[in-house]
């Protein structure tokens, strides 16, 4: 039966999972849902993913949702260095994951939500919110520059899931005209983003899982 990803090829979180599959060499079948038709709110979908969000996976009958949890599961099952070994290395990894989840994601996701996603549901962009998100993110990325001046990646000198987790919304920031991750005034941040963004795994799925 194999691994099935139930989601949308253009969904940010679906592509996050697909990129990790590519990193690990894990084949998958994408079972496409249509957000416009409300597939993610259907009883059948909600039975597997009670929040009505994409994606979830079906791995030979094992159901799991939340993209970051799925990525962790895939690494734990299939191996590799995207989750480091050792107590201290894992602590640094979890610190880096927390940085992404609390200091990057809220604002990095908020900008495309206001500028792109709101319109899909008939909403109107709030320029003040966009400015708030942008100001906050720009400040947070100053700390990234400091961290990355001392090491290659967020958890140390080897890439981990914590770095890959940035890919979907980091890419959308550029599409929205906020090229903060390529700021030449922050060369270590720009070097890190180039290293992460250019990975073949992301290039394979950035335009569709």
C-alpha atoms as a PDB file:
ATOM      1  CA  UNK A   1       0.000   0.000   0.000  1.00  0.00           C
ATOM      2  CA  UNK A   2       2.767   2.447   0.894  1.00  0.00           C
ATOM      3  CA  UNK A   3       2.675   6.040   2.065  1.00  0.00           C
ATOM      4  CA  UNK A   4      -0.193   8.274   1.012  1.00  0.00           C
ATOM      5  CA  UNK A   5      -0.212  12.034   1.590  1.00  0.00           C
ATOM      6  CA  UNK A   6      -3.744  13.345   1.586  1.00  0.00           C
ATOM      7  CA  UNK A   7      -3.539  17.017   0.765  1.00  0.00           C
ATOM      8  CA  UNK A   8      -3.176  19.584  -1.996  1.00  0.00           C
ATOM      9  CA  UNK A   9      -0.112  19.881  -4.250  1.00  0.00           C
ATOM     10  CA  UNK A  10      -0.002  23.644  -3.624  1.00  0.00           C
ATOM     11  CA  UNK A  11      -0.615  23.446   0.137  1.00  0.00           C
ATOM     12  CA  UNK A  12       2.316  24.812   2.136  1.00  0.00           C
ATOM     13  CA  UNK A  13       2.184  22.037   4.715  1.00  0.00           C
ATOM     14  CA  UNK A  14       1.696  19.316   2.103  1.00  0.00           C
ATOM     15  CA  UNK A  15       4.855  20.493   0.347  1.00  0.00           C
ATOM     16  CA  UNK A  16       6.714  20.537   3.673  1.00  0.00           C
ATOM     17  CA  UNK A  17       5.983  16.815   4.070  1.00  0.00           C
ATOM     18  CA  UNK A  18       6.726  16.055   0.430  1.00  0.00           C
ATOM     19  CA  UNK A  19      10.127  17.766   0.671  1.00  0.00           C
ATOM     20  CA  UNK A  20      11.092  15.578   3.615  1.00  0.00           C
ATOM     21  CA  UNK A  21       9.982  12.495   1.691  1.00  0.00           C
ATOM     22  CA  UNK A  22      12.301  13.570  -1.119  1.00  0.00           C
ATOM     23  CA  UNK A  23      15.153  14.128   1.366  1.00  0.00           C
ATOM     24  CA  UNK A  24      14.686  10.601   2.700  1.00  0.00           C
ATOM     25  CA  UNK A  25      14.032   8.934  -0.633  1.00  0.00           C
ATOM     26  CA  UNK A  26      10.606   7.787   0.556  1.00  0.00           C
ATOM     27  CA  UNK A  27       8.118   7.278  -2.276  1.00  0.00           C
ATOM     28  CA  UNK A  28       4.611   8.568  -1.725  1.00  0.00           C
ATOM     29  CA  UNK A  29       1.267   8.838  -3.447  1.00  0.00           C
ATOM     30  CA  UNK A  30      -0.391  12.237  -3.279  1.00  0.00           C
ATOM     31  CA  UNK A  31      -4.142  11.888  -2.829  1.00  0.00           C
ATOM     32  CA  UNK A  32      -5.353  15.303  -3.943  1.00  0.00           C
ATOM     33  CA  UNK A  33      -8.150  17.151  -2.198  1.00  0.00           C
ATOM     34  CA  UNK A  34      -9.934  20.218  -3.533  1.00  0.00           C
ATOM     35  CA  UNK A  35     -10.145  23.052  -1.021  1.00  0.00           C
ATOM     36  CA  UNK A  36     -12.543  24.970  -3.276  1.00  0.00           C
ATOM     37  CA  UNK A  37     -15.016  22.103  -3.101  1.00  0.00           C
ATOM     38  CA  UNK A  38     -14.598  21.821   0.654  1.00  0.00           C
ATOM     39  CA  UNK A  39     -13.081  18.354   0.548  1.00  0.00           C
ATOM     40  CA  UNK A  40     -11.119  19.151   3.724  1.00  0.00           C
ATOM     41  CA  UNK A  41     -14.402  19.719   5.596  1.00  0.00           C
ATOM     42  CA  UNK A  42     -16.111  16.550   4.420  1.00  0.00           C
ATOM     43  CA  UNK A  43     -17.093  13.934   7.020  1.00  0.00           C
ATOM     44  CA  UNK A  44     -14.634  11.438   5.535  1.00  0.00           C
ATOM     45  CA  UNK A  45     -11.723  13.881   5.821  1.00  0.00           C
ATOM     46  CA  UNK A  46     -12.690  15.090   9.291  1.00  0.00           C
ATOM     47  CA  UNK A  47     -12.793  11.512  10.481  1.00  0.00           C
ATOM     48  CA  UNK A  48      -9.041  11.340   9.830  1.00  0.00           C
ATOM     49  CA  UNK A  49      -8.099  14.999  10.464  1.00  0.00           C
ATOM     50  CA  UNK A  50     -10.578  16.551  12.916  1.00  0.00           C
ATOM     51  CA  UNK A  51      -9.297  20.103  12.344  1.00  0.00           C
ATOM     52  CA  UNK A  52     -10.034  19.965   8.626  1.00  0.00           C
ATOM     53  CA  UNK A  53      -6.492  20.919   7.616  1.00  0.00           C
ATOM     54  CA  UNK A  54      -4.123  19.389   5.092  1.00  0.00           C
ATOM     55  CA  UNK A  55      -2.272  17.170   5.007  1.00  0.00           C
ATOM     56  CA  UNK A  56      -2.577  13.939   6.847  1.00  0.00           C
ATOM     57  CA  UNK A  57      -0.828  10.717   5.954  1.00  0.00           C
ATOM     58  CA  UNK A  58      -1.964   7.136   5.676  1.00  0.00           C
ATOM     59  CA  UNK A  59       1.098   4.913   6.037  1.00  0.00           C
ATOM     60  CA  UNK A  60      -0.200   1.405   5.538  1.00  0.00           C
ATOM     61  CA  UNK A  61      -3.130   2.216   7.803  1.00  0.00           C
ATOM     62  CA  UNK A  62      -1.272   4.432  10.275  1.00  0.00           C
ATOM     63  CA  UNK A  63      -2.952   7.847  10.260  1.00  0.00           C
ATOM     64  CA  UNK A  64      -1.062  10.962  11.331  1.00  0.00           C
ATOM     65  CA  UNK A  65      -1.668  14.683  10.894  1.00  0.00           C
ATOM     66  CA  UNK A  66       0.224  17.942  11.590  1.00  0.00           C
ATOM     67  CA  UNK A  67       3.011  18.402   9.060  1.00  0.00           C
ATOM     68  CA  UNK A  68       5.890  18.805  11.507  1.00  0.00           C
ATOM     69  CA  UNK A  69       4.831  15.692  13.434  1.00  0.00           C
ATOM     70  CA  UNK A  70       4.597  13.798  10.150  1.00  0.00           C
ATOM     71  CA  UNK A  71       8.116  14.885   9.202  1.00  0.00           C
ATOM     72  CA  UNK A  72       9.487  13.740  12.553  1.00  0.00           C
ATOM     73  CA  UNK A  73       7.722  10.400  12.157  1.00  0.00           C
ATOM     74  CA  UNK A  74       9.186   9.863   8.698  1.00  0.00           C
ATOM     75  CA  UNK A  75      12.740  10.530   9.902  1.00  0.00           C
ATOM     76  CA  UNK A  76      12.310   8.287  12.938  1.00  0.00           C
ATOM     77  CA  UNK A  77      10.959   5.506  10.743  1.00  0.00           C
ATOM     78  CA  UNK A  78      13.345   5.780   7.823  1.00  0.00           C
ATOM     79  CA  UNK A  79      16.499   7.071   9.496  1.00  0.00           C
ATOM     80  CA  UNK A  80      18.911   9.783   8.490  1.00  0.00           C
ATOM     81  CA  UNK A  81      20.471  12.784  10.177  1.00  0.00           C
ATOM     82  CA  UNK A  82      17.591  15.259   9.930  1.00  0.00           C
ATOM     83  CA  UNK A  83      16.977  14.544  13.620  1.00  0.00           C
ATOM     84  CA  UNK A  84      20.393  14.396  15.302  1.00  0.00           C
ATOM     85  CA  UNK A  85      21.524  11.791  17.803  1.00  0.00           C
ATOM     86  CA  UNK A  86      22.578  12.462  21.371  1.00  0.00           C
ATOM     87  CA  UNK A  87      20.949  14.335  24.228  1.00  0.00           C
ATOM     88  CA  UNK A  88      22.635  17.695  23.675  1.00  0.00           C
ATOM     89  CA  UNK A  89      22.315  17.573  19.887  1.00  0.00           C
ATOM     90  CA  UNK A  90      18.618  16.724  20.179  1.00  0.00           C
ATOM     91  CA  UNK A  91      18.140  19.563  22.663  1.00  0.00           C
ATOM     92  CA  UNK A  92      19.701  21.981  20.164  1.00  0.00           C
ATOM     93  CA  UNK A  93      17.460  20.524  17.481  1.00  0.00           C
ATOM     94  CA  UNK A  94      14.333  21.056  19.564  1.00  0.00           C
ATOM     95  CA  UNK A  95      15.497  24.598  20.321  1.00  0.00           C
ATOM     96  CA  UNK A  96      15.810  25.251  16.588  1.00  0.00           C
ATOM     97  CA  UNK A  97      12.355  23.781  15.946  1.00  0.00           C
ATOM     98  CA  UNK A  98      10.934  26.059  18.623  1.00  0.00           C
ATOM     99  CA  UNK A  99      12.624  29.047  16.975  1.00  0.00           C
ATOM    100  CA  UNK A 100      10.873  28.225  13.707  1.00  0.00           C
ATOM    101  CA  UNK A 101       7.500  27.613  15.322  1.00  0.00           C
ATOM    102  CA  UNK A 102       7.404  30.664  17.590  1.00  0.00           C
ATOM    103  CA  UNK A 103       9.712  33.282  16.096  1.00  0.00           C
ATOM    104  CA  UNK A 104       9.345  32.665  12.363  1.00  0.00           C
ATOM    105  CA  UNK A 105       6.118  30.935  11.446  1.00  0.00           C
ATOM    106  CA  UNK A 106       3.496  33.315  12.933  1.00  0.00           C
ATOM    107  CA  UNK A 107       4.686  36.339  10.964  1.00  0.00           C
ATOM    108  CA  UNK A 108       6.021  34.476   7.928  1.00  0.00           C
ATOM    109  CA  UNK A 109       2.656  32.743   7.533  1.00  0.00           C
ATOM    110  CA  UNK A 110       0.701  35.886   8.391  1.00  0.00           C
ATOM    111  CA  UNK A 111       2.055  37.913   5.479  1.00  0.00           C
ATOM    112  CA  UNK A 112       0.930  35.538   2.684  1.00  0.00           C
ATOM    113  CA  UNK A 113      -2.308  34.894   4.558  1.00  0.00           C
ATOM    114  CA  UNK A 114      -3.151  38.581   4.362  1.00  0.00           C
ATOM    115  CA  UNK A 115      -1.819  39.177   0.852  1.00  0.00           C
ATOM    116  CA  UNK A 116      -2.796  35.924  -0.859  1.00  0.00           C
ATOM    117  CA  UNK A 117      -4.981  33.476   1.048  1.00  0.00           C
ATOM    118  CA  UNK A 118      -7.574  35.891   2.415  1.00  0.00           C
ATOM    119  CA  UNK A 119      -8.815  36.686  -1.070  1.00  0.00           C
ATOM    120  CA  UNK A 120      -9.585  33.010  -1.735  1.00  0.00           C
ATOM    121  CA  UNK A 121     -12.275  33.109   0.929  1.00  0.00           C
ATOM    122  CA  UNK A 122     -13.584  36.534  -0.003  1.00  0.00           C
ATOM    123  CA  UNK A 123     -11.631  38.424   2.650  1.00  0.00           C
ATOM    124  CA  UNK A 124      -9.848  41.755   2.308  1.00  0.00           C
ATOM    125  CA  UNK A 125      -6.169  42.386   3.060  1.00  0.00           C
ATOM    126  CA  UNK A 126      -5.482  44.383   6.204  1.00  0.00           C
ATOM    127  CA  UNK A 127      -2.387  46.499   5.382  1.00  0.00           C
ATOM    128  CA  UNK A 128      -1.813  47.304   9.049  1.00  0.00           C
ATOM    129  CA  UNK A 129      -1.570  43.601   9.890  1.00  0.00           C
ATOM    130  CA  UNK A 130       0.841  43.045   7.006  1.00  0.00           C
ATOM    131  CA  UNK A 131       3.045  45.852   8.294  1.00  0.00           C
ATOM    132  CA  UNK A 132       2.907  44.447  11.818  1.00  0.00           C
ATOM    133  CA  UNK A 133       3.894  40.980  10.626  1.00  0.00           C
ATOM    134  CA  UNK A 134       6.692  42.374   8.444  1.00  0.00           C
ATOM    135  CA  UNK A 135       8.133  44.558  11.211  1.00  0.00           C
ATOM    136  CA  UNK A 136       8.078  41.693  13.687  1.00  0.00           C
ATOM    137  CA  UNK A 137       9.640  39.216  11.273  1.00  0.00           C
ATOM    138  CA  UNK A 138      12.392  41.607  10.250  1.00  0.00           C
ATOM    139  CA  UNK A 139      13.346  42.059  13.904  1.00  0.00           C
ATOM    140  CA  UNK A 140      13.289  38.312  14.615  1.00  0.00           C
ATOM    141  CA  UNK A 141      15.566  37.629  11.666  1.00  0.00           C
ATOM    142  CA  UNK A 142      18.199  39.784  13.305  1.00  0.00           C
ATOM    143  CA  UNK A 143      18.563  37.005  15.874  1.00  0.00           C
ATOM    144  CA  UNK A 144      18.838  34.476  13.048  1.00  0.00           C
ATOM    145  CA  UNK A 145      21.794  36.438  11.695  1.00  0.00           C
ATOM    146  CA  UNK A 146      23.536  36.193  15.068  1.00  0.00           C
ATOM    147  CA  UNK A 147      22.897  32.464  15.385  1.00  0.00           C
ATOM    148  CA  UNK A 148      24.001  31.744  11.830  1.00  0.00           C
ATOM    149  CA  UNK A 149      27.187  33.763  12.215  1.00  0.00           C
ATOM    150  CA  UNK A 150      28.377  30.995  14.551  1.00  0.00           C
ATOM    151  CA  UNK A 151      27.105  27.877  12.767  1.00  0.00           C
ATOM    152  CA  UNK A 152      25.889  26.765   9.357  1.00  0.00           C
ATOM    153  CA  UNK A 153      22.351  25.795  10.313  1.00  0.00           C
ATOM    154  CA  UNK A 154      19.925  26.545  13.118  1.00  0.00           C
ATOM    155  CA  UNK A 155      20.744  23.481  15.206  1.00  0.00           C
ATOM    156  CA  UNK A 156      24.459  23.348  14.432  1.00  0.00           C
ATOM    157  CA  UNK A 157      26.635  22.628  11.417  1.00  0.00           C
ATOM    158  CA  UNK A 158      24.372  19.958   9.894  1.00  0.00           C
ATOM    159  CA  UNK A 159      20.991  20.560   8.304  1.00  0.00           C
ATOM    160  CA  UNK A 160      17.976  19.271  10.225  1.00  0.00           C
ATOM    161  CA  UNK A 161      14.214  19.304   9.963  1.00  0.00           C
ATOM    162  CA  UNK A 162      14.242  22.638  11.788  1.00  0.00           C
ATOM    163  CA  UNK A 163      15.804  24.259   8.729  1.00  0.00           C
ATOM    164  CA  UNK A 164      13.540  22.485   6.257  1.00  0.00           C
ATOM    165  CA  UNK A 165      10.445  23.537   8.187  1.00  0.00           C
ATOM    166  CA  UNK A 166      11.079  27.134   6.999  1.00  0.00           C
ATOM    167  CA  UNK A 167      10.818  26.290   3.317  1.00  0.00           C
ATOM    168  CA  UNK A 168       7.113  26.707   2.456  1.00  0.00           C
ATOM    169  CA  UNK A 169       6.519  30.089   4.074  1.00  0.00           C
ATOM    170  CA  UNK A 170      10.051  31.309   3.451  1.00  0.00           C
ATOM    171  CA  UNK A 171       9.418  30.775  -0.249  1.00  0.00           C
ATOM    172  CA  UNK A 172       6.058  32.546  -0.093  1.00  0.00           C
ATOM    173  CA  UNK A 173       7.649  35.563   1.583  1.00  0.00           C
ATOM    174  CA  UNK A 174       9.687  36.157  -1.543  1.00  0.00           C
ATOM    175  CA  UNK A 175       6.609  35.701  -3.725  1.00  0.00           C
ATOM    176  CA  UNK A 176       4.906  38.405  -1.657  1.00  0.00           C
ATOM    177  CA  UNK A 177       7.812  40.789  -2.176  1.00  0.00           C
ATOM    178  CA  UNK A 178       9.360  40.375   1.268  1.00  0.00           C
ATOM    179  CA  UNK A 179      12.854  39.155   0.456  1.00  0.00           C
ATOM    180  CA  UNK A 180      14.074  39.367   4.033  1.00  0.00           C
ATOM    181  CA  UNK A 181      15.783  35.993   3.829  1.00  0.00           C
ATOM    182  CA  UNK A 182      18.009  37.247   1.004  1.00  0.00           C
ATOM    183  CA  UNK A 183      18.977  40.521   2.682  1.00  0.00           C
ATOM    184  CA  UNK A 184      22.633  41.292   1.773  1.00  0.00           C
ATOM    185  CA  UNK A 185      22.903  43.233   5.029  1.00  0.00           C
ATOM    186  CA  UNK A 186      22.480  39.866   6.771  1.00  0.00           C
ATOM    187  CA  UNK A 187      24.969  37.683   4.882  1.00  0.00           C
ATOM    188  CA  UNK A 188      24.814  34.681   7.185  1.00  0.00           C
ATOM    189  CA  UNK A 189      21.019  34.558   6.970  1.00  0.00           C
ATOM    190  CA  UNK A 190      21.191  34.881   3.174  1.00  0.00           C
ATOM    191  CA  UNK A 191      23.826  32.138   2.933  1.00  0.00           C
ATOM    192  CA  UNK A 192      21.719  29.818   5.115  1.00  0.00           C
ATOM    193  CA  UNK A 193      18.556  30.458   3.103  1.00  0.00           C
ATOM    194  CA  UNK A 194      20.350  29.815  -0.189  1.00  0.00           C
ATOM    195  CA  UNK A 195      21.680  26.518   1.173  1.00  0.00           C
ATOM    196  CA  UNK A 196      18.241  25.403   2.384  1.00  0.00           C
ATOM    197  CA  UNK A 197      16.166  26.690  -0.528  1.00  0.00           C
ATOM    198  CA  UNK A 198      18.441  25.221  -3.205  1.00  0.00           C
ATOM    199  CA  UNK A 199      18.225  21.647  -1.944  1.00  0.00           C
ATOM    200  CA  UNK A 200      17.009  19.264  -4.671  1.00  0.00           C
ATOM    201  CA  UNK A 201      14.239  18.012  -2.371  1.00  0.00           C
ATOM    202  CA  UNK A 202      12.610  21.438  -2.261  1.00  0.00           C
ATOM    203  CA  UNK A 203      13.227  22.219  -5.905  1.00  0.00           C
ATOM    204  CA  UNK A 204      11.328  19.017  -6.724  1.00  0.00           C
ATOM    205  CA  UNK A 205       8.198  20.050  -4.827  1.00  0.00           C
ATOM    206  CA  UNK A 206       8.251  23.848  -4.511  1.00  0.00           C
ATOM    207  CA  UNK A 207       5.796  24.263  -7.378  1.00  0.00           C
ATOM    208  CA  UNK A 208       3.634  21.302  -6.372  1.00  0.00           C
ATOM    209  CA  UNK A 209       4.009  18.235  -4.181  1.00  0.00           C
END
